[in-house]
Full PDB file with SEQRES, HELIX, SHEET, SSBOND, CRYST1, ORIGX, SCALE, CONECT and MASTER records, all heavy atoms in Angstrom:
SEQRES   1 A   35  ILE GLN CYS GLN LEU LYS GLN ASP ARG PHE PRO ASP ILE          
SEQRES   2 A   35  GLY ALA LEU THR VAL ILE ASP SER THR GLN LEU SER LEU          
SEQRES   3 A   35  THR ALA HIS GLY GLU HIS TRP ALA PHE                          
HELIX    1 AA1 GLN A    4  LYS A    6  5                                   3    
HELIX    2 AA2 HIS A   32  ALA A   34  5                                   3    
CRYST1    1.000    1.000    1.000  90.00  90.00  90.00 P 1           1          
ORIGX1      1.000000  0.000000  0.000000        0.00000                         
ORIGX2      0.000000  1.000000  0.000000        0.00000                         
ORIGX3      0.000000  0.000000  1.000000        0.00000                         
SCALE1      1.000000  0.000000  0.000000        0.00000                         
SCALE2      0.000000  1.000000  0.000000        0.00000                         
SCALE3      0.000000  0.000000  1.000000        0.00000                         
ATOM      1  N   ILE A   1      -8.256  13.052   1.273  1.00  0.00           N  
ATOM      2  CA  ILE A   1      -7.553  13.273  -0.013  1.00  0.00           C  
ATOM      3  C   ILE A   1      -7.830  14.668  -0.525  1.00  0.00           C  
ATOM      4  O   ILE A   1      -6.946  15.358  -1.036  1.00  0.00           O  
ATOM      5  CB  ILE A   1      -8.083  12.236  -1.039  1.00  0.00           C  
ATOM      6  CG1 ILE A   1      -7.478  10.834  -0.665  1.00  0.00           C  
ATOM      7  CG2 ILE A   1      -7.688  12.617  -2.464  1.00  0.00           C  
ATOM      8  CD1 ILE A   1      -8.034   9.731  -1.493  1.00  0.00           C  
ATOM      9  N   GLN A   2      -9.042  15.157  -0.363  1.00  0.00           N  
ATOM     10  CA  GLN A   2      -9.371  16.499  -0.825  1.00  0.00           C  
ATOM     11  C   GLN A   2      -8.565  17.558  -0.059  1.00  0.00           C  
ATOM     12  O   GLN A   2      -8.118  18.553  -0.610  1.00  0.00           O  
ATOM     13  CB  GLN A   2     -10.861  16.777  -0.587  1.00  0.00           C  
ATOM     14  CG  GLN A   2     -11.750  15.983  -1.552  1.00  0.00           C  
ATOM     15  CD  GLN A   2     -11.415  16.180  -3.007  1.00  0.00           C  
ATOM     16  OE1 GLN A   2     -11.245  17.331  -3.449  1.00  0.00           O  
ATOM     17  NE2 GLN A   2     -11.346  15.100  -3.744  1.00  0.00           N  
ATOM     18  N   CYS A   3      -8.329  17.273   1.247  1.00  0.00           N  
ATOM     19  CA  CYS A   3      -7.501  18.191   2.038  1.00  0.00           C  
ATOM     20  C   CYS A   3      -6.025  18.125   1.558  1.00  0.00           C  
ATOM     21  O   CYS A   3      -5.348  19.149   1.467  1.00  0.00           O  
ATOM     22  CB  CYS A   3      -7.560  17.860   3.516  1.00  0.00           C  
ATOM     23  SG  CYS A   3      -9.208  18.131   4.255  1.00  0.00           S  
ATOM     24  N   GLN A   4      -5.574  16.887   1.299  1.00  0.00           N  
ATOM     25  CA  GLN A   4      -4.150  16.734   0.881  1.00  0.00           C  
ATOM     26  C   GLN A   4      -3.866  17.329  -0.498  1.00  0.00           C  
ATOM     27  O   GLN A   4      -2.772  17.736  -0.822  1.00  0.00           O  
ATOM     28  CB  GLN A   4      -3.791  15.266   0.916  1.00  0.00           C  
ATOM     29  CG  GLN A   4      -3.805  14.627   2.313  1.00  0.00           C  
ATOM     30  CD  GLN A   4      -2.651  15.073   3.219  1.00  0.00           C  
ATOM     31  OE1 GLN A   4      -2.001  15.999   2.864  1.00  0.00           O  
ATOM     32  NE2 GLN A   4      -2.464  14.445   4.317  1.00  0.00           N  
ATOM     33  N   LEU A   5      -4.902  17.379  -1.364  1.00  0.00           N  
ATOM     34  CA  LEU A   5      -4.704  17.924  -2.680  1.00  0.00           C  
ATOM     35  C   LEU A   5      -4.274  19.383  -2.647  1.00  0.00           C  
ATOM     36  O   LEU A   5      -3.701  19.883  -3.572  1.00  0.00           O  
ATOM     37  CB  LEU A   5      -5.952  17.766  -3.546  1.00  0.00           C  
ATOM     38  CG  LEU A   5      -6.280  16.346  -3.929  1.00  0.00           C  
ATOM     39  CD1 LEU A   5      -7.654  16.287  -4.684  1.00  0.00           C  
ATOM     40  CD2 LEU A   5      -5.207  15.735  -4.866  1.00  0.00           C  
ATOM     41  N   LYS A   6      -4.588  20.007  -1.517  1.00  0.00           N  
ATOM     42  CA  LYS A   6      -4.232  21.445  -1.400  1.00  0.00           C  
ATOM     43  C   LYS A   6      -2.838  21.648  -0.831  1.00  0.00           C  
ATOM     44  O   LYS A   6      -2.319  22.742  -0.759  1.00  0.00           O  
ATOM     45  CB  LYS A   6      -5.266  22.125  -0.445  1.00  0.00           C  
ATOM     46  CG  LYS A   6      -6.665  22.003  -0.926  1.00  0.00           C  
ATOM     47  CD  LYS A   6      -7.641  22.570   0.060  1.00  0.00           C  
ATOM     48  CE  LYS A   6      -9.101  22.353  -0.367  1.00  0.00           C  
ATOM     49  NZ  LYS A   6     -10.078  22.874   0.635  1.00  0.00           N  
ATOM     50  N   GLN A   7      -2.195  20.518  -0.437  1.00  0.00           N  
ATOM     51  CA  GLN A   7      -0.840  20.623   0.166  1.00  0.00           C  
ATOM     52  C   GLN A   7       0.244  20.747  -0.938  1.00  0.00           C  
ATOM     53  O   GLN A   7       0.037  20.268  -2.047  1.00  0.00           O  
ATOM     54  CB  GLN A   7      -0.544  19.371   0.995  1.00  0.00           C  
ATOM     55  CG  GLN A   7      -1.532  19.182   2.156  1.00  0.00           C  
ATOM     56  CD  GLN A   7      -1.370  20.177   3.228  1.00  0.00           C  
ATOM     57  OE1 GLN A   7      -0.292  20.784   3.419  1.00  0.00           O  
ATOM     58  NE2 GLN A   7      -2.432  20.441   3.983  1.00  0.00           N  
ATOM     59  N   ASP A   8       1.370  21.316  -0.564  1.00  0.00           N  
ATOM     60  CA  ASP A   8       2.504  21.410  -1.483  1.00  0.00           C  
ATOM     61  C   ASP A   8       3.074  20.024  -1.709  1.00  0.00           C  
ATOM     62  O   ASP A   8       3.108  19.201  -0.807  1.00  0.00           O  
ATOM     63  CB  ASP A   8       3.567  22.335  -0.912  1.00  0.00           C  
ATOM     64  CG  ASP A   8       3.060  23.783  -0.862  1.00  0.00           C  
ATOM     65  OD1 ASP A   8       2.222  24.161  -1.661  1.00  0.00           O  
ATOM     66  OD2 ASP A   8       3.534  24.533   0.051  1.00  0.00           O  
ATOM     67  N   ARG A   9       3.607  19.792  -2.900  1.00  0.00           N  
ATOM     68  CA  ARG A   9       4.244  18.532  -3.236  1.00  0.00           C  
ATOM     69  C   ARG A   9       5.766  18.645  -3.151  1.00  0.00           C  
ATOM     70  O   ARG A   9       6.313  19.707  -3.027  1.00  0.00           O  
ATOM     71  CB  ARG A   9       3.889  18.116  -4.668  1.00  0.00           C  
ATOM     72  CG  ARG A   9       2.379  17.959  -4.892  1.00  0.00           C  
ATOM     73  CD  ARG A   9       1.821  16.789  -4.149  1.00  0.00           C  
ATOM     74  NE  ARG A   9       0.483  16.444  -4.579  1.00  0.00           N  
ATOM     75  CZ  ARG A   9      -0.610  16.906  -4.035  1.00  0.00           C  
ATOM     76  NH1 ARG A   9      -0.564  17.730  -3.022  1.00  0.00           N  
ATOM     77  NH2 ARG A   9      -1.805  16.494  -4.446  1.00  0.00           N  
ATOM     78  N   PHE A  10       6.447  17.502  -3.191  1.00  0.00           N  
ATOM     79  CA  PHE A  10       7.900  17.491  -3.265  1.00  0.00           C  
ATOM     80  C   PHE A  10       8.305  18.241  -4.534  1.00  0.00           C  
ATOM     81  O   PHE A  10       7.791  17.970  -5.617  1.00  0.00           O  
ATOM     82  CB  PHE A  10       8.473  16.077  -3.282  1.00  0.00           C  
ATOM     83  CG  PHE A  10       8.317  15.368  -1.968  1.00  0.00           C  
ATOM     84  CD1 PHE A  10       7.415  14.349  -1.818  1.00  0.00           C  
ATOM     85  CD2 PHE A  10       9.116  15.729  -0.928  1.00  0.00           C  
ATOM     86  CE1 PHE A  10       7.308  13.672  -0.612  1.00  0.00           C  
ATOM     87  CE2 PHE A  10       9.004  15.070   0.320  1.00  0.00           C  
ATOM     88  CZ  PHE A  10       8.084  14.055   0.443  1.00  0.00           C  
ATOM     89  N   PRO A  11       9.246  19.143  -4.443  1.00  0.00           N  
ATOM     90  CA  PRO A  11       9.713  19.937  -5.637  1.00  0.00           C  
ATOM     91  C   PRO A  11      10.201  18.984  -6.743  1.00  0.00           C  
ATOM     92  O   PRO A  11      10.982  18.055  -6.484  1.00  0.00           O  
ATOM     93  CB  PRO A  11      10.833  20.776  -5.075  1.00  0.00           C  
ATOM     94  CG  PRO A  11      10.561  20.927  -3.648  1.00  0.00           C  
ATOM     95  CD  PRO A  11       9.964  19.590  -3.228  1.00  0.00           C  
ATOM     96  N   ASP A  12       9.732  19.188  -7.932  1.00  0.00           N  
ATOM     97  CA  ASP A  12      10.226  18.468  -9.115  1.00  0.00           C  
ATOM     98  C   ASP A  12       9.774  17.006  -9.177  1.00  0.00           C  
ATOM     99  O   ASP A  12      10.150  16.292 -10.050  1.00  0.00           O  
ATOM    100  CB  ASP A  12      11.707  18.604  -9.333  1.00  0.00           C  
ATOM    101  CG  ASP A  12      12.165  20.044  -9.405  1.00  0.00           C  
ATOM    102  OD1 ASP A  12      11.450  20.840 -10.037  1.00  0.00           O  
ATOM    103  OD2 ASP A  12      13.230  20.333  -8.829  1.00  0.00           O  
ATOM    104  N   ILE A  13       9.072  16.531  -8.129  1.00  0.00           N  
ATOM    105  CA  ILE A  13       8.666  15.161  -8.089  1.00  0.00           C  
ATOM    106  C   ILE A  13       7.158  15.001  -8.038  1.00  0.00           C  
ATOM    107  O   ILE A  13       6.600  14.233  -8.828  1.00  0.00           O  
ATOM    108  CB  ILE A  13       9.306  14.404  -6.877  1.00  0.00           C  
ATOM    109  CG1 ILE A  13      10.825  14.428  -6.931  1.00  0.00           C  
ATOM    110  CG2 ILE A  13       8.802  12.987  -6.797  1.00  0.00           C  
ATOM    111  CD1 ILE A  13      11.521  13.790  -5.763  1.00  0.00           C  
ATOM    112  N   GLY A  14       6.518  15.671  -7.114  1.00  0.00           N  
ATOM    113  CA  GLY A  14       5.090  15.484  -6.912  1.00  0.00           C  
ATOM    114  C   GLY A  14       4.866  14.559  -5.760  1.00  0.00           C  
ATOM    115  O   GLY A  14       5.664  14.429  -4.838  1.00  0.00           O  
ATOM    116  N   ALA A  15       3.763  13.843  -5.820  1.00  0.00           N  
ATOM    117  CA  ALA A  15       3.413  12.899  -4.758  1.00  0.00           C  
ATOM    118  C   ALA A  15       4.118  11.539  -4.920  1.00  0.00           C  
ATOM    119  O   ALA A  15       4.313  11.076  -6.027  1.00  0.00           O  
ATOM    120  CB  ALA A  15       1.936  12.721  -4.710  1.00  0.00           C  
ATOM    121  N   LEU A  16       4.495  10.957  -3.822  1.00  0.00           N  
ATOM    122  CA  LEU A  16       5.044   9.616  -3.816  1.00  0.00           C  
ATOM    123  C   LEU A  16       4.107   8.648  -3.166  1.00  0.00           C  
ATOM    124  O   LEU A  16       3.278   9.016  -2.323  1.00  0.00           O  
ATOM    125  CB  LEU A  16       6.387   9.590  -3.027  1.00  0.00           C  
ATOM    126  CG  LEU A  16       7.563  10.429  -3.562  1.00  0.00           C  
ATOM    127  CD1 LEU A  16       8.668  10.400  -2.551  1.00  0.00           C  
ATOM    128  CD2 LEU A  16       8.017   9.874  -4.900  1.00  0.00           C  
ATOM    129  N   THR A  17       4.226   7.409  -3.537  1.00  0.00           N  
ATOM    130  CA  THR A  17       3.523   6.335  -2.886  1.00  0.00           C  
ATOM    131  C   THR A  17       4.550   5.303  -2.390  1.00  0.00           C  
ATOM    132  O   THR A  17       5.200   4.670  -3.211  1.00  0.00           O  
ATOM    133  CB  THR A  17       2.520   5.629  -3.804  1.00  0.00           C  
ATOM    134  OG1 THR A  17       1.444   6.595  -4.163  1.00  0.00           O  
ATOM    135  CG2 THR A  17       1.828   4.473  -3.087  1.00  0.00           C  
ATOM    136  N   VAL A  18       4.667   5.167  -1.125  1.00  0.00           N  
ATOM    137  CA  VAL A  18       5.564   4.151  -0.535  1.00  0.00           C  
ATOM    138  C   VAL A  18       4.828   2.826  -0.464  1.00  0.00           C  
ATOM    139  O   VAL A  18       3.687   2.754   0.102  1.00  0.00           O  
ATOM    140  CB  VAL A  18       5.998   4.553   0.903  1.00  0.00           C  
ATOM    141  CG1 VAL A  18       6.944   3.531   1.511  1.00  0.00           C  
ATOM    142  CG2 VAL A  18       6.726   5.938   0.822  1.00  0.00           C  
ATOM    143  N   ILE A  19       5.382   1.811  -1.006  1.00  0.00           N  
ATOM    144  CA  ILE A  19       4.729   0.485  -1.105  1.00  0.00           C  
ATOM    145  C   ILE A  19       5.475  -0.521  -0.298  1.00  0.00           C  
ATOM    146  O   ILE A  19       6.686  -0.650  -0.317  1.00  0.00           O  
ATOM    147  CB  ILE A  19       4.713   0.014  -2.575  1.00  0.00           C  
ATOM    148  CG1 ILE A  19       3.865   0.990  -3.450  1.00  0.00           C  
ATOM    149  CG2 ILE A  19       4.102  -1.357  -2.681  1.00  0.00           C  
ATOM    150  CD1 ILE A  19       3.870   0.696  -4.887  1.00  0.00           C  
ATOM    151  N   ASP A  20       4.717  -1.235   0.525  1.00  0.00           N  
ATOM    152  CA  ASP A  20       5.306  -2.347   1.347  1.00  0.00           C  
ATOM    153  C   ASP A  20       4.225  -3.394   1.488  1.00  0.00           C  
ATOM    154  O   ASP A  20       3.060  -3.201   1.145  1.00  0.00           O  
ATOM    155  CB  ASP A  20       5.694  -1.781   2.712  1.00  0.00           C  
ATOM    156  CG  ASP A  20       6.601  -2.747   3.438  1.00  0.00           C  
ATOM    157  OD1 ASP A  20       7.191  -3.651   2.784  1.00  0.00           O  
ATOM    158  OD2 ASP A  20       6.756  -2.646   4.657  1.00  0.00           O  
ATOM    159  N   SER A  21       4.644  -4.550   1.944  1.00  0.00           N  
ATOM    160  CA  SER A  21       3.751  -5.681   2.065  1.00  0.00           C  
ATOM    161  C   SER A  21       4.053  -6.512   3.284  1.00  0.00           C  
ATOM    162  O   SER A  21       5.129  -6.455   3.799  1.00  0.00           O  
ATOM    163  CB  SER A  21       3.710  -6.529   0.831  1.00  0.00           C  
ATOM    164  OG  SER A  21       5.017  -7.098   0.587  1.00  0.00           O  
ATOM    165  N   THR A  22       3.101  -7.301   3.681  1.00  0.00           N  
ATOM    166  CA  THR A  22       3.281  -8.232   4.784  1.00  0.00           C  
ATOM    167  C   THR A  22       2.526  -9.536   4.469  1.00  0.00           C  
ATOM    168  O   THR A  22       1.545  -9.521   3.772  1.00  0.00           O  
ATOM    169  CB  THR A  22       2.744  -7.657   6.127  1.00  0.00           C  
ATOM    170  OG1 THR A  22       3.077  -8.566   7.182  1.00  0.00           O  
ATOM    171  CG2 THR A  22       1.263  -7.458   6.061  1.00  0.00           C  
ATOM    172  N   GLN A  23       3.108 -10.656   4.891  1.00  0.00           N  
ATOM    173  CA  GLN A  23       2.518 -11.947   4.657  1.00  0.00           C  
ATOM    174  C   GLN A  23       1.636 -12.352   5.807  1.00  0.00           C  
ATOM    175  O   GLN A  23       2.047 -12.191   6.978  1.00  0.00           O  
ATOM    176  CB  GLN A  23       3.588 -12.975   4.341  1.00  0.00           C  
ATOM    177  CG  GLN A  23       4.328 -12.794   3.069  1.00  0.00           C  
ATOM    178  CD  GLN A  23       5.204 -13.973   2.693  1.00  0.00           C  
ATOM    179  OE1 GLN A  23       5.090 -15.050   3.280  1.00  0.00           O  
ATOM    180  NE2 GLN A  23       6.101 -13.772   1.729  1.00  0.00           N  
ATOM    181  N   LEU A  24       0.493 -12.908   5.535  1.00  0.00           N  
ATOM    182  CA  LEU A  24      -0.467 -13.347   6.560  1.00  0.00           C  
ATOM    183  C   LEU A  24      -0.616 -14.809   6.427  1.00  0.00           C  
ATOM    184  O   LEU A  24      -0.997 -15.354   5.360  1.00  0.00           O  
ATOM    185  CB  LEU A  24      -1.825 -12.625   6.388  1.00  0.00           C  
ATOM    186  CG  LEU A  24      -1.756 -11.101   6.365  1.00  0.00           C  
ATOM    187  CD1 LEU A  24      -3.122 -10.510   6.024  1.00  0.00           C  
ATOM    188  CD2 LEU A  24      -1.231 -10.523   7.680  1.00  0.00           C  
ATOM    189  N   SER A  25      -0.371 -15.549   7.488  1.00  0.00           N  
ATOM    190  CA  SER A  25      -0.502 -17.015   7.493  1.00  0.00           C  
ATOM    191  C   SER A  25      -1.981 -17.401   7.665  1.00  0.00           C  
ATOM    192  O   SER A  25      -2.708 -16.836   8.517  1.00  0.00           O  
ATOM    193  CB  SER A  25       0.336 -17.628   8.575  1.00  0.00           C  
ATOM    194  OG  SER A  25       1.691 -17.342   8.383  1.00  0.00           O  
ATOM    195  N   LEU A  26      -2.386 -18.416   6.914  1.00  0.00           N  
ATOM    196  CA  LEU A  26      -3.721 -18.969   7.067  1.00  0.00           C  
ATOM    197  C   LEU A  26      -3.616 -20.313   7.745  1.00  0.00           C  
ATOM    198  O   LEU A  26      -2.505 -20.772   7.984  1.00  0.00           O  
ATOM    199  CB  LEU A  26      -4.430 -19.177   5.667  1.00  0.00           C  
ATOM    200  CG  LEU A  26      -4.526 -17.878   4.834  1.00  0.00           C  
ATOM    201  CD1 LEU A  26      -5.170 -18.231   3.465  1.00  0.00           C  
ATOM    202  CD2 LEU A  26      -5.294 -16.756   5.546  1.00  0.00           C  
ATOM    203  N   THR A  27      -4.745 -20.926   8.067  1.00  0.00           N  
ATOM    204  CA  THR A  27      -4.706 -22.202   8.714  1.00  0.00           C  
ATOM    205  C   THR A  27      -4.157 -23.249   7.764  1.00  0.00           C  
ATOM    206  O   THR A  27      -4.167 -23.073   6.527  1.00  0.00           O  
ATOM    207  CB  THR A  27      -6.106 -22.671   9.152  1.00  0.00           C  
ATOM    208  OG1 THR A  27      -6.938 -22.769   8.027  1.00  0.00           O  
ATOM    209  CG2 THR A  27      -6.679 -21.606  10.083  1.00  0.00           C  
ATOM    210  N   ALA A  28      -3.666 -24.334   8.275  1.00  0.00           N  
ATOM    211  CA  ALA A  28      -3.106 -25.403   7.436  1.00  0.00           C  
ATOM    212  C   ALA A  28      -4.070 -25.952   6.443  1.00  0.00           C  
ATOM    213  O   ALA A  28      -3.698 -26.496   5.397  1.00  0.00           O  
ATOM    214  CB  ALA A  28      -2.591 -26.533   8.335  1.00  0.00           C  
ATOM    215  N   HIS A  29      -5.377 -25.822   6.731  1.00  0.00           N  
ATOM    216  CA  HIS A  29      -6.412 -26.274   5.828  1.00  0.00           C  
ATOM    217  C   HIS A  29      -7.056 -25.134   5.024  1.00  0.00           C  
ATOM    218  O   HIS A  29      -8.222 -25.196   4.633  1.00  0.00           O  
ATOM    219  CB  HIS A  29      -7.507 -26.994   6.624  1.00  0.00           C  
ATOM    220  CG  HIS A  29      -6.981 -28.193   7.395  1.00  0.00           C  
ATOM    221  ND1 HIS A  29      -6.509 -29.351   6.854  1.00  0.00           N  
ATOM    222  CD2 HIS A  29      -6.765 -28.306   8.745  1.00  0.00           C  
ATOM    223  CE1 HIS A  29      -6.131 -30.182   7.787  1.00  0.00           C  
ATOM    224  NE2 HIS A  29      -6.262 -29.568   8.967  1.00  0.00           N  
ATOM    225  N   GLY A  30      -6.251 -24.097   4.892  1.00  0.00           N  
ATOM    226  CA  GLY A  30      -6.768 -22.888   4.148  1.00  0.00           C  
ATOM    227  C   GLY A  30      -6.963 -23.182   2.664  1.00  0.00           C  
ATOM    228  O   GLY A  30      -6.787 -24.259   2.160  1.00  0.00           O  
ATOM    229  N   GLU A  31      -7.294 -22.128   1.958  1.00  0.00           N  
ATOM    230  CA  GLU A  31      -7.604 -22.250   0.511  1.00  0.00           C  
ATOM    231  C   GLU A  31      -6.415 -22.782  -0.248  1.00  0.00           C  
ATOM    232  O   GLU A  31      -5.257 -22.406   0.007  1.00  0.00           O  
ATOM    233  CB  GLU A  31      -8.025 -20.875  -0.024  1.00  0.00           C  
ATOM    234  CG  GLU A  31      -9.280 -20.312   0.589  1.00  0.00           C  
ATOM    235  CD  GLU A  31     -10.513 -21.146   0.172  1.00  0.00           C  
ATOM    236  OE1 GLU A  31     -10.425 -21.852  -0.863  1.00  0.00           O  
ATOM    237  OE2 GLU A  31     -11.551 -21.048   0.888  1.00  0.00           O  
ATOM    238  N   HIS A  32      -6.673 -23.625  -1.210  1.00  0.00           N  
ATOM    239  CA  HIS A  32      -5.596 -24.241  -1.999  1.00  0.00           C  
ATOM    240  C   HIS A  32      -4.830 -23.246  -2.815  1.00  0.00           C  
ATOM    241  O   HIS A  32      -3.643 -23.412  -3.082  1.00  0.00           O  
ATOM    242  CB  HIS A  32      -6.188 -25.385  -2.876  1.00  0.00           C  
ATOM    243  CG  HIS A  32      -7.046 -24.827  -3.986  1.00  0.00           C  
ATOM    244  ND1 HIS A  32      -8.367 -24.528  -3.754  1.00  0.00           N  
ATOM    245  CD2 HIS A  32      -6.834 -24.546  -5.263  1.00  0.00           C  
ATOM    246  CE1 HIS A  32      -8.908 -24.079  -4.876  1.00  0.00           C  
ATOM    247  NE2 HIS A  32      -8.004 -24.055  -5.794  1.00  0.00           N  
ATOM    248  N   TRP A  33      -5.492 -22.163  -3.208  1.00  0.00           N  
ATOM    249  CA  TRP A  33      -4.816 -21.158  -4.073  1.00  0.00           C  
ATOM    250  C   TRP A  33      -3.704 -20.418  -3.289  1.00  0.00           C  
ATOM    251  O   TRP A  33      -2.843 -19.784  -3.897  1.00  0.00           O  
ATOM    252  CB  TRP A  33      -5.790 -20.136  -4.615  1.00  0.00           C  
ATOM    253  CG  TRP A  33      -6.653 -19.430  -3.603  1.00  0.00           C  
ATOM    254  CD1 TRP A  33      -7.899 -19.778  -3.181  1.00  0.00           C  
ATOM    255  CD2 TRP A  33      -6.262 -18.250  -2.887  1.00  0.00           C  
ATOM    256  NE1 TRP A  33      -8.330 -18.886  -2.190  1.00  0.00           N  
ATOM    257  CE2 TRP A  33      -7.374 -17.880  -1.981  1.00  0.00           C  
ATOM    258  CE3 TRP A  33      -5.194 -17.439  -2.869  1.00  0.00           C  
ATOM    259  CZ2 TRP A  33      -7.347 -16.849  -1.144  1.00  0.00           C  
ATOM    260  CZ3 TRP A  33      -5.123 -16.357  -2.033  1.00  0.00           C  
ATOM    261  CH2 TRP A  33      -6.249 -16.065  -1.199  1.00  0.00           C  
ATOM    262  N   ALA A  34      -3.777 -20.440  -1.919  1.00  0.00           N  
ATOM    263  CA  ALA A  34      -2.766 -19.764  -1.108  1.00  0.00           C  
ATOM    264  C   ALA A  34      -1.622 -20.717  -0.643  1.00  0.00           C  
ATOM    265  O   ALA A  34      -0.760 -20.316   0.081  1.00  0.00           O  
ATOM    266  CB  ALA A  34      -3.455 -19.091   0.113  1.00  0.00           C  
ATOM    267  N   PHE A  35      -1.658 -21.963  -1.162  1.00  0.00           N  
ATOM    268  CA  PHE A  35      -0.656 -22.939  -0.757  1.00  0.00           C  
ATOM    269  C   PHE A  35       0.724 -22.563  -1.297  1.00  0.00           C  
ATOM    270  O   PHE A  35       0.920 -22.176  -2.446  1.00  0.00           O  
ATOM    271  CB  PHE A  35      -1.071 -24.294  -1.250  1.00  0.00           C  
ATOM    272  CG  PHE A  35      -0.035 -25.406  -0.960  1.00  0.00           C  
ATOM    273  CD1 PHE A  35       0.013 -26.021   0.250  1.00  0.00           C  
ATOM    274  CD2 PHE A  35       0.882 -25.777  -1.937  1.00  0.00           C  
ATOM    275  CE1 PHE A  35       0.939 -27.007   0.538  1.00  0.00           C  
ATOM    276  CE2 PHE A  35       1.809 -26.758  -1.720  1.00  0.00           C  
ATOM    277  CZ  PHE A  35       1.862 -27.395  -0.455  1.00  0.00           C  
TER     278      PHE A  35                                                      
MASTER        0    0    0    2    0    0    0    6  277    1    0    3          
END                                                                             
């Protein structure tokens, strides 16, 4: 991060954060909160 702070940013925007997700299956007897 310290190295990247010295890098140029996208003009007029700055830094972006690309967000994505993936689902992970648990066992059939997994925690009830993940049901």
